[in-house]
């Protein structure tokens, strides 16, 4: 499926301790994407998502804002080829 992409994003700002992972997971699941979200030791949040390009872009737009309790300062993005390794979207610890 040539229109399928993999997003690897790192979100910086006030993004831990504000339910960012929970709301990201809900958003990705509602968009029928697969992948994961997890906190990083440096205080950022990592999101890996695979799906149709236009749908993944909708998740990326949401990541620039996040939940109302978050304060996103920066989102670093890498686009990659999808691996198909995921069966669902989940929170990783």
PDB file of N, CA and C in Angstrom:
ATOM      1  N   UNK A   1       0.854  -1.184   0.000  1.00  0.00           N
ATOM      2  CA  UNK A   1       0.000   0.000   0.000  1.00  0.00           C
ATOM      3  C   UNK A   1       0.897   1.245   0.000  1.00  0.00           C
ATOM      4  N   UNK A   2       1.064   1.903  -1.133  1.00  0.00           N
ATOM      5  CA  UNK A   2       2.026   3.007  -1.252  1.00  0.00           C
ATOM      6  C   UNK A   2       1.662   4.248  -0.452  1.00  0.00           C
ATOM      7  N   UNK A   3       0.416   4.392  -0.070  1.00  0.00           N
ATOM      8  CA  UNK A   3      -0.012   5.574   0.669  1.00  0.00           C
ATOM      9  C   UNK A   3       0.152   5.396   2.176  1.00  0.00           C
ATOM     10  N   UNK A   4       0.747   4.282   2.590  1.00  0.00           N
ATOM     11  CA  UNK A   4       0.952   4.011   4.010  1.00  0.00           C
ATOM     12  C   UNK A   4       2.325   4.517   4.430  1.00  0.00           C
ATOM     13  N   UNK A   5       2.370   5.197   5.585  1.00  0.00           N
ATOM     14  CA  UNK A   5       3.617   5.796   6.064  1.00  0.00           C
ATOM     15  C   UNK A   5       3.833   5.451   7.533  1.00  0.00           C
ATOM     16  N   UNK A   6       5.052   5.729   7.973  1.00  0.00           N
ATOM     17  CA  UNK A   6       5.412   5.569   9.388  1.00  0.00           C
ATOM     18  C   UNK A   6       5.919   6.918   9.890  1.00  0.00           C
ATOM     19  N   UNK A   7       5.320   7.380  10.951  1.00  0.00           N
ATOM     20  CA  UNK A   7       5.716   8.621  11.608  1.00  0.00           C
ATOM     21  C   UNK A   7       6.506   8.273  12.860  1.00  0.00           C
ATOM     22  N   UNK A   8       7.669   8.886  13.008  1.00  0.00           N
ATOM     23  CA  UNK A   8       8.444   8.788  14.246  1.00  0.00           C
ATOM     24  C   UNK A   8       8.587  10.216  14.751  1.00  0.00           C
ATOM     25  N   UNK A   9       7.867  10.545  15.819  1.00  0.00           N
ATOM     26  CA  UNK A   9       7.840  11.916  16.320  1.00  0.00           C
ATOM     27  C   UNK A   9       8.321  11.970  17.763  1.00  0.00           C
ATOM     28  N   UNK A  10       8.996  13.046  18.090  1.00  0.00           N
ATOM     29  CA  UNK A  10       9.428  13.314  19.469  1.00  0.00           C
ATOM     30  C   UNK A  10       8.831  14.648  19.857  1.00  0.00           C
ATOM     31  N   UNK A  11       8.070  14.666  20.959  1.00  0.00           N
ATOM     32  CA  UNK A  11       7.362  15.859  21.399  1.00  0.00           C
ATOM     33  C   UNK A  11       8.049  16.386  22.658  1.00  0.00           C
ATOM     34  N   UNK A  12       8.360  17.691  22.635  1.00  0.00           N
ATOM     35  CA  UNK A  12       9.059  18.339  23.743  1.00  0.00           C
ATOM     36  C   UNK A  12       8.188  19.427  24.348  1.00  0.00           C
ATOM     37  N   UNK A  13       8.412  19.698  25.611  1.00  0.00           N
ATOM     38  CA  UNK A  13       7.667  20.718  26.338  1.00  0.00           C
ATOM     39  C   UNK A  13       7.182  20.135  27.649  1.00  0.00           C
ATOM     40  N   UNK A  14       6.063  20.644  28.125  1.00  0.00           N
ATOM     41  CA  UNK A  14       5.442  20.117  29.338  1.00  0.00           C
ATOM     42  C   UNK A  14       4.498  19.009  28.888  1.00  0.00           C
ATOM     43  N   UNK A  15       5.076  17.802  28.678  1.00  0.00           N
ATOM     44  CA  UNK A  15       4.320  16.720  28.056  1.00  0.00           C
ATOM     45  C   UNK A  15       4.310  15.428  28.872  1.00  0.00           C
ATOM     46  N   UNK A  16       4.985  15.418  30.015  1.00  0.00           N
ATOM     47  CA  UNK A  16       4.921  14.257  30.898  1.00  0.00           C
ATOM     48  C   UNK A  16       4.179  14.649  32.170  1.00  0.00           C
ATOM     49  N   UNK A  17       3.407  13.704  32.692  1.00  0.00           N
ATOM     50  CA  UNK A  17       2.620  13.977  33.892  1.00  0.00           C
ATOM     51  C   UNK A  17       1.333  14.726  33.615  1.00  0.00           C
ATOM     52  N   UNK A  18       0.930  14.789  32.349  1.00  0.00           N
ATOM     53  CA  UNK A  18      -0.287  15.506  31.958  1.00  0.00           C
ATOM     54  C   UNK A  18      -1.219  14.624  31.112  1.00  0.00           C
ATOM     55  N   UNK A  19      -1.042  13.304  31.205  1.00  0.00           N
ATOM     56  CA  UNK A  19      -1.851  12.321  30.459  1.00  0.00           C
ATOM     57  C   UNK A  19      -1.639  12.398  28.952  1.00  0.00           C
ATOM     58  N   UNK A  20      -0.478  12.881  28.525  1.00  0.00           N
ATOM     59  CA  UNK A  20      -0.198  12.995  27.088  1.00  0.00           C
ATOM     60  C   UNK A  20      -0.252  11.632  26.410  1.00  0.00           C
ATOM     61  N   UNK A  21       0.333  10.613  27.048  1.00  0.00           N
ATOM     62  CA  UNK A  21       0.327   9.270  26.444  1.00  0.00           C
ATOM     63  C   UNK A  21      -1.097   8.736  26.310  1.00  0.00           C
ATOM     64  N   UNK A  22      -1.885   8.896  27.341  1.00  0.00           N
ATOM     65  CA  UNK A  22      -3.257   8.397  27.321  1.00  0.00           C
ATOM     66  C   UNK A  22      -4.063   9.042  26.190  1.00  0.00           C
ATOM     67  N   UNK A  23      -4.011  10.356  26.117  1.00  0.00           N
ATOM     68  CA  UNK A  23      -4.793  11.047  25.088  1.00  0.00           C
ATOM     69  C   UNK A  23      -4.258  10.794  23.684  1.00  0.00           C
ATOM     70  N   UNK A  24      -2.952  10.640  23.557  1.00  0.00           N
ATOM     71  CA  UNK A  24      -2.371  10.302  22.253  1.00  0.00           C
ATOM     72  C   UNK A  24      -2.847   8.931  21.810  1.00  0.00           C
ATOM     73  N   UNK A  25      -2.852   7.993  22.735  1.00  0.00           N
ATOM     74  CA  UNK A  25      -3.321   6.647  22.416  1.00  0.00           C
ATOM     75  C   UNK A  25      -4.783   6.674  21.980  1.00  0.00           C
ATOM     76  N   UNK A  26      -5.616   7.382  22.716  1.00  0.00           N
ATOM     77  CA  UNK A  26      -7.034   7.498  22.337  1.00  0.00           C
ATOM     78  C   UNK A  26      -7.197   8.116  20.951  1.00  0.00           C
ATOM     79  N   UNK A  27      -6.428   9.178  20.690  1.00  0.00           N
ATOM     80  CA  UNK A  27      -6.520   9.860  19.401  1.00  0.00           C
ATOM     81  C   UNK A  27      -6.095   8.921  18.271  1.00  0.00           C
ATOM     82  N   UNK A  28      -4.965   8.239  18.448  1.00  0.00           N
ATOM     83  CA  UNK A  28      -4.468   7.323  17.415  1.00  0.00           C
ATOM     84  C   UNK A  28      -5.432   6.169  17.188  1.00  0.00           C
ATOM     85  N   UNK A  29      -5.989   5.625  18.262  1.00  0.00           N
ATOM     86  CA  UNK A  29      -6.947   4.531  18.114  1.00  0.00           C
ATOM     87  C   UNK A  29      -8.207   4.991  17.397  1.00  0.00           C
ATOM     88  N   UNK A  30      -8.660   6.205  17.680  1.00  0.00           N
ATOM     89  CA  UNK A  30      -9.859   6.716  17.005  1.00  0.00           C
ATOM     90  C   UNK A  30      -9.612   6.919  15.507  1.00  0.00           C
ATOM     91  N   UNK A  31      -8.350   7.107  15.138  1.00  0.00           N
ATOM     92  CA  UNK A  31      -7.978   7.273  13.727  1.00  0.00           C
ATOM     93  C   UNK A  31      -7.607   5.938  13.077  1.00  0.00           C
ATOM     94  N   UNK A  32      -7.687   4.855  13.843  1.00  0.00           N
ATOM     95  CA  UNK A  32      -7.364   3.503  13.370  1.00  0.00           C
ATOM     96  C   UNK A  32      -5.906   3.374  12.934  1.00  0.00           C
ATOM     97  N   UNK A  33      -5.011   4.010  13.698  1.00  0.00           N
ATOM     98  CA  UNK A  33      -3.585   3.896  13.450  1.00  0.00           C
ATOM     99  C   UNK A  33      -3.002   2.819  14.355  1.00  0.00           C
ATOM    100  N   UNK A  34      -1.825   2.336  14.003  1.00  0.00           N
ATOM    101  CA  UNK A  34      -1.113   1.357  14.826  1.00  0.00           C
ATOM    102  C   UNK A  34       0.243   1.934  15.191  1.00  0.00           C
ATOM    103  N   UNK A  35       0.786   1.467  16.332  1.00  0.00           N
ATOM    104  CA  UNK A  35       2.084   1.940  16.787  1.00  0.00           C
ATOM    105  C   UNK A  35       2.095   2.067  18.292  1.00  0.00           C
ATOM    106  N   UNK A  36       2.828   3.074  18.794  1.00  0.00           N
ATOM    107  CA  UNK A  36       2.921   3.244  20.237  1.00  0.00           C
ATOM    108  C   UNK A  36       3.287   4.672  20.613  1.00  0.00           C
ATOM    109  N   UNK A  37       3.090   4.959  21.897  1.00  0.00           N
ATOM    110  CA  UNK A  37       3.514   6.214  22.502  1.00  0.00           C
ATOM    111  C   UNK A  37       4.203   5.852  23.812  1.00  0.00           C
ATOM    112  N   UNK A  38       5.297   6.563  24.126  1.00  0.00           N
ATOM    113  CA  UNK A  38       5.983   6.300  25.390  1.00  0.00           C
ATOM    114  C   UNK A  38       6.747   7.532  25.843  1.00  0.00           C
ATOM    115  N   UNK A  39       6.936   7.622  27.163  1.00  0.00           N
ATOM    116  CA  UNK A  39       7.764   8.677  27.741  1.00  0.00           C
ATOM    117  C   UNK A  39       9.228   8.328  27.538  1.00  0.00           C
ATOM    118  N   UNK A  40      10.050   9.356  27.345  1.00  0.00           N
ATOM    119  CA  UNK A  40      11.495   9.187  27.225  1.00  0.00           C
ATOM    120  C   UNK A  40      12.163   9.744  28.485  1.00  0.00           C
ATOM    121  N   UNK A  41      13.343   9.262  28.760  1.00  0.00           N
ATOM    122  CA  UNK A  41      14.071   9.680  29.959  1.00  0.00           C
ATOM    123  C   UNK A  41      14.407  11.176  29.943  1.00  0.00           C
ATOM    124  N   UNK A  42      14.497  11.784  28.775  1.00  0.00           N
ATOM    125  CA  UNK A  42      14.851  13.210  28.680  1.00  0.00           C
ATOM    126  C   UNK A  42      13.652  14.135  28.876  1.00  0.00           C
ATOM    127  N   UNK A  43      12.476  13.581  29.206  1.00  0.00           N
ATOM    128  CA  UNK A  43      11.282  14.390  29.438  1.00  0.00           C
ATOM    129  C   UNK A  43      10.400  14.561  28.219  1.00  0.00           C
ATOM    130  N   UNK A  44      10.822  14.017  27.090  1.00  0.00           N
ATOM    131  CA  UNK A  44      10.008  14.107  25.873  1.00  0.00           C
ATOM    132  C   UNK A  44       9.085  12.894  25.788  1.00  0.00           C
ATOM    133  N   UNK A  45       8.208  12.922  24.794  1.00  0.00           N
ATOM    134  CA  UNK A  45       7.317  11.805  24.497  1.00  0.00           C
ATOM    135  C   UNK A  45       7.609  11.358  23.072  1.00  0.00           C
ATOM    136  N   UNK A  46       7.717  10.055  22.879  1.00  0.00           N
ATOM    137  CA  UNK A  46       7.967   9.473  21.557  1.00  0.00           C
ATOM    138  C   UNK A  46       6.683   8.851  21.031  1.00  0.00           C
ATOM    139  N   UNK A  47       6.388   9.110  19.766  1.00  0.00           N
ATOM    140  CA  UNK A  47       5.222   8.527  19.110  1.00  0.00           C
ATOM    141  C   UNK A  47       5.679   7.890  17.804  1.00  0.00           C
ATOM    142  N   UNK A  48       5.347   6.631  17.633  1.00  0.00           N
ATOM    143  CA  UNK A  48       5.558   5.933  16.365  1.00  0.00           C
ATOM    144  C   UNK A  48       4.187   5.478  15.902  1.00  0.00           C
ATOM    145  N   UNK A  49       3.797   5.906  14.709  1.00  0.00           N
ATOM    146  CA  UNK A  49       2.464   5.577  14.197  1.00  0.00           C
ATOM    147  C   UNK A  49       2.543   5.203  12.727  1.00  0.00           C
ATOM    148  N   UNK A  50       1.784   4.203  12.348  1.00  0.00           N
ATOM    149  CA  UNK A  50       1.695   3.784  10.950  1.00  0.00           C
ATOM    150  C   UNK A  50       0.241   3.799  10.504  1.00  0.00           C
ATOM    151  N   UNK A  51       0.054   4.187   9.254  1.00  0.00           N
ATOM    152  CA  UNK A  51      -1.280   4.221   8.668  1.00  0.00           C
ATOM    153  C   UNK A  51      -1.277   5.020   7.388  1.00  0.00           C
ATOM    154  N   UNK A  52      -2.460   5.325   6.900  1.00  0.00           N
ATOM    155  CA  UNK A  52      -2.572   6.117   5.670  1.00  0.00           C
ATOM    156  C   UNK A  52      -2.037   7.524   5.912  1.00  0.00           C
ATOM    157  N   UNK A  53      -1.319   8.036   4.937  1.00  0.00           N
ATOM    158  CA  UNK A  53      -0.623   9.318   5.069  1.00  0.00           C
ATOM    159  C   UNK A  53      -1.518  10.443   5.584  1.00  0.00           C
ATOM    160  N   UNK A  54      -2.690  10.609   5.002  1.00  0.00           N
ATOM    161  CA  UNK A  54      -3.537  11.733   5.413  1.00  0.00           C
ATOM    162  C   UNK A  54      -4.034  11.568   6.852  1.00  0.00           C
ATOM    163  N   UNK A  55      -4.204  10.333   7.287  1.00  0.00           N
ATOM    164  CA  UNK A  55      -4.664  10.079   8.653  1.00  0.00           C
ATOM    165  C   UNK A  55      -3.518  10.301   9.648  1.00  0.00           C
ATOM    166  N   UNK A  56      -2.322   9.845   9.297  1.00  0.00           N
ATOM    167  CA  UNK A  56      -1.159  10.062  10.160  1.00  0.00           C
ATOM    168  C   UNK A  56      -0.883  11.560  10.296  1.00  0.00           C
ATOM    169  N   UNK A  57      -1.096  12.307   9.230  1.00  0.00           N
ATOM    170  CA  UNK A  57      -0.917  13.760   9.298  1.00  0.00           C
ATOM    171  C   UNK A  57      -1.914  14.400  10.264  1.00  0.00           C
ATOM    172  N   UNK A  58      -3.103  13.830  10.371  1.00  0.00           N
ATOM    173  CA  UNK A  58      -4.076  14.355  11.337  1.00  0.00           C
ATOM    174  C   UNK A  58      -3.588  14.132  12.769  1.00  0.00           C
ATOM    175  N   UNK A  59      -2.992  12.960  13.021  1.00  0.00           N
ATOM    176  CA  UNK A  59      -2.413  12.714  14.343  1.00  0.00           C
ATOM    177  C   UNK A  59      -1.265  13.690  14.596  1.00  0.00           C
ATOM    178  N   UNK A  60      -0.431  13.915  13.602  1.00  0.00           N
ATOM    179  CA  UNK A  60       0.690  14.841  13.762  1.00  0.00           C
ATOM    180  C   UNK A  60       0.198  16.243  14.100  1.00  0.00           C
ATOM    181  N   UNK A  61      -0.842  16.697  13.463  1.00  0.00           N
ATOM    182  CA  UNK A  61      -1.411  18.012  13.787  1.00  0.00           C
ATOM    183  C   UNK A  61      -1.860  18.052  15.241  1.00  0.00           C
ATOM    184  N   UNK A  62      -2.483  16.978  15.698  1.00  0.00           N
ATOM    185  CA  UNK A  62      -2.929  16.917  17.085  1.00  0.00           C
ATOM    186  C   UNK A  62      -1.727  16.934  18.032  1.00  0.00           C
ATOM    187  N   UNK A  63      -0.630  16.260  17.677  1.00  0.00           N
ATOM    188  CA  UNK A  63       0.555  16.211  18.539  1.00  0.00           C
ATOM    189  C   UNK A  63       1.159  17.593  18.776  1.00  0.00           C
ATOM    190  N   UNK A  64       0.982  18.504  17.836  1.00  0.00           N
ATOM    191  CA  UNK A  64       1.500  19.865  18.007  1.00  0.00           C
ATOM    192  C   UNK A  64       0.742  20.633  19.090  1.00  0.00           C
ATOM    193  N   UNK A  65      -0.424  20.134  19.478  1.00  0.00           N
ATOM    194  CA  UNK A  65      -1.248  20.777  20.503  1.00  0.00           C
ATOM    195  C   UNK A  65      -1.315  19.901  21.752  1.00  0.00           C
ATOM    196  N   UNK A  66      -1.658  18.630  21.568  1.00  0.00           N
ATOM    197  CA  UNK A  66      -1.783  17.701  22.684  1.00  0.00           C
ATOM    198  C   UNK A  66      -3.010  17.980  23.518  1.00  0.00           C
ATOM    199  N   UNK A  67      -3.112  17.309  24.669  1.00  0.00           N
ATOM    200  CA  UNK A  67      -4.252  17.552  25.548  1.00  0.00           C
ATOM    201  C   UNK A  67      -4.170  18.942  26.169  1.00  0.00           C
ATOM    202  N   UNK A  68      -5.277  19.414  26.706  1.00  0.00           N
ATOM    203  CA  UNK A  68      -5.340  20.789  27.215  1.00  0.00           C
ATOM    204  C   UNK A  68      -4.359  21.054  28.351  1.00  0.00           C
ATOM    205  N   UNK A  69      -3.976  20.028  29.095  1.00  0.00           N
ATOM    206  CA  UNK A  69      -3.049  20.213  30.218  1.00  0.00           C
ATOM    207  C   UNK A  69      -1.584  20.241  29.789  1.00  0.00           C
ATOM    208  N   UNK A  70      -1.300  19.946  28.530  1.00  0.00           N
ATOM    209  CA  UNK A  70       0.075  19.918  28.026  1.00  0.00           C
ATOM    210  C   UNK A  70       0.469  21.276  27.448  1.00  0.00           C
ATOM    211  N   UNK A  71       1.768  21.471  27.323  1.00  0.00           N
ATOM    212  CA  UNK A  71       2.302  22.652  26.653  1.00  0.00           C
ATOM    213  C   UNK A  71       3.413  22.182  25.719  1.00  0.00           C
ATOM    214  N   UNK A  72       3.042  21.990  24.456  1.00  0.00           N
ATOM    215  CA  UNK A  72       3.988  21.491  23.459  1.00  0.00           C
ATOM    216  C   UNK A  72       4.855  22.646  22.970  1.00  0.00           C
ATOM    217  N   UNK A  73       6.163  22.461  23.069  1.00  0.00           N
ATOM    218  CA  UNK A  73       7.123  23.472  22.613  1.00  0.00           C
ATOM    219  C   UNK A  73       7.676  23.155  21.235  1.00  0.00           C
ATOM    220  N   UNK A  74       7.885  21.844  20.968  1.00  0.00           N
ATOM    221  CA  UNK A  74       8.516  21.451  19.706  1.00  0.00           C
ATOM    222  C   UNK A  74       8.142  20.012  19.385  1.00  0.00           C
ATOM    223  N   UNK A  75       7.991  19.726  18.095  1.00  0.00           N
ATOM    224  CA  UNK A  75       7.763  18.365  17.623  1.00  0.00           C
ATOM    225  C   UNK A  75       8.774  18.079  16.523  1.00  0.00           C
ATOM    226  N   UNK A  76       9.667  17.124  16.782  1.00  0.00           N
ATOM    227  CA  UNK A  76      10.623  16.679  15.765  1.00  0.00           C
ATOM    228  C   UNK A  76      10.015  15.487  15.046  1.00  0.00           C
ATOM    229  N   UNK A  77      10.097  15.480  13.714  1.00  0.00           N
ATOM    230  CA  UNK A  77       9.404  14.477  12.909  1.00  0.00           C
ATOM    231  C   UNK A  77      10.359  13.799  11.941  1.00  0.00           C
ATOM    232  N   UNK A  78      10.217  12.489  11.825  1.00  0.00           N
ATOM    233  CA  UNK A  78      10.884  11.720  10.782  1.00  0.00           C
ATOM    234  C   UNK A  78       9.827  10.859  10.105  1.00  0.00           C
ATOM    235  N   UNK A  79       9.836  10.878   8.775  1.00  0.00           N
ATOM    236  CA  UNK A  79       8.945  10.017   8.001  1.00  0.00           C
ATOM    237  C   UNK A  79       9.761   8.827   7.525  1.00  0.00           C
ATOM    238  N   UNK A  80       9.211   7.627   7.685  1.00  0.00           N
ATOM    239  CA  UNK A  80       9.914   6.404   7.330  1.00  0.00           C
ATOM    240  C   UNK A  80       8.980   5.462   6.577  1.00  0.00           C
ATOM    241  N   UNK A  81       9.552   4.395   6.071  1.00  0.00           N
ATOM    242  CA  UNK A  81       8.752   3.347   5.450  1.00  0.00           C
ATOM    243  C   UNK A  81       8.082   2.528   6.561  1.00  0.00           C
ATOM    244  N   UNK A  82       6.818   2.183   6.407  1.00  0.00           N
ATOM    245  CA  UNK A  82       6.151   1.375   7.429  1.00  0.00           C
ATOM    246  C   UNK A  82       6.741  -0.032   7.484  1.00  0.00           C
ATOM    247  N   UNK A  83       6.772  -0.600   8.675  1.00  0.00           N
ATOM    248  CA  UNK A  83       7.296  -1.960   8.849  1.00  0.00           C
ATOM    249  C   UNK A  83       6.193  -2.997   8.964  1.00  0.00           C
ATOM    250  N   UNK A  84       4.989  -2.556   9.337  1.00  0.00           N
ATOM    251  CA  UNK A  84       3.875  -3.487   9.515  1.00  0.00           C
ATOM    252  C   UNK A  84       3.998  -4.330  10.768  1.00  0.00           C
ATOM    253  N   UNK A  85       4.868  -3.922  11.694  1.00  0.00           N
ATOM    254  CA  UNK A  85       5.119  -4.721  12.894  1.00  0.00           C
ATOM    255  C   UNK A  85       4.051  -4.583  13.982  1.00  0.00           C
ATOM    256  N   UNK A  86       3.168  -3.613  13.856  1.00  0.00           N
ATOM    257  CA  UNK A  86       2.193  -3.339  14.916  1.00  0.00           C
ATOM    258  C   UNK A  86       0.808  -3.870  14.558  1.00  0.00           C
ATOM    259  N   UNK A  87       0.112  -4.367  15.570  1.00  0.00           N
ATOM    260  CA  UNK A  87      -1.257  -4.827  15.372  1.00  0.00           C
ATOM    261  C   UNK A  87      -2.282  -3.865  15.941  1.00  0.00           C
ATOM    262  N   UNK A  88      -1.796  -2.919  16.772  1.00  0.00           N
ATOM    263  CA  UNK A  88      -2.678  -1.943  17.408  1.00  0.00           C
ATOM    264  C   UNK A  88      -1.842  -0.764  17.858  1.00  0.00           C
ATOM    265  N   UNK A  89      -2.494   0.247  18.418  1.00  0.00           N
ATOM    266  CA  UNK A  89      -1.768   1.378  18.998  1.00  0.00           C
ATOM    267  C   UNK A  89      -1.833   1.219  20.507  1.00  0.00           C
ATOM    268  N   UNK A  90      -0.669   1.399  21.181  1.00  0.00           N
ATOM    269  CA  UNK A  90      -0.607   1.153  22.614  1.00  0.00           C
ATOM    270  C   UNK A  90       0.321   2.139  23.314  1.00  0.00           C
ATOM    271  N   UNK A  91       0.164   2.194  24.637  1.00  0.00           N
ATOM    272  CA  UNK A  91       1.074   2.943  25.494  1.00  0.00           C
ATOM    273  C   UNK A  91       2.166   1.971  25.917  1.00  0.00           C
ATOM    274  N   UNK A  92       3.407   2.367  25.721  1.00  0.00           N
ATOM    275  CA  UNK A  92       4.540   1.551  26.176  1.00  0.00           C
ATOM    276  C   UNK A  92       5.185   2.198  27.384  1.00  0.00           C
ATOM    277  N   UNK A  93       5.728   1.367  28.239  1.00  0.00           N
ATOM    278  CA  UNK A  93       6.370   1.845  29.460  1.00  0.00           C
ATOM    279  C   UNK A  93       7.836   1.498  29.471  1.00  0.00           C
TER     280      UNK A  93
END
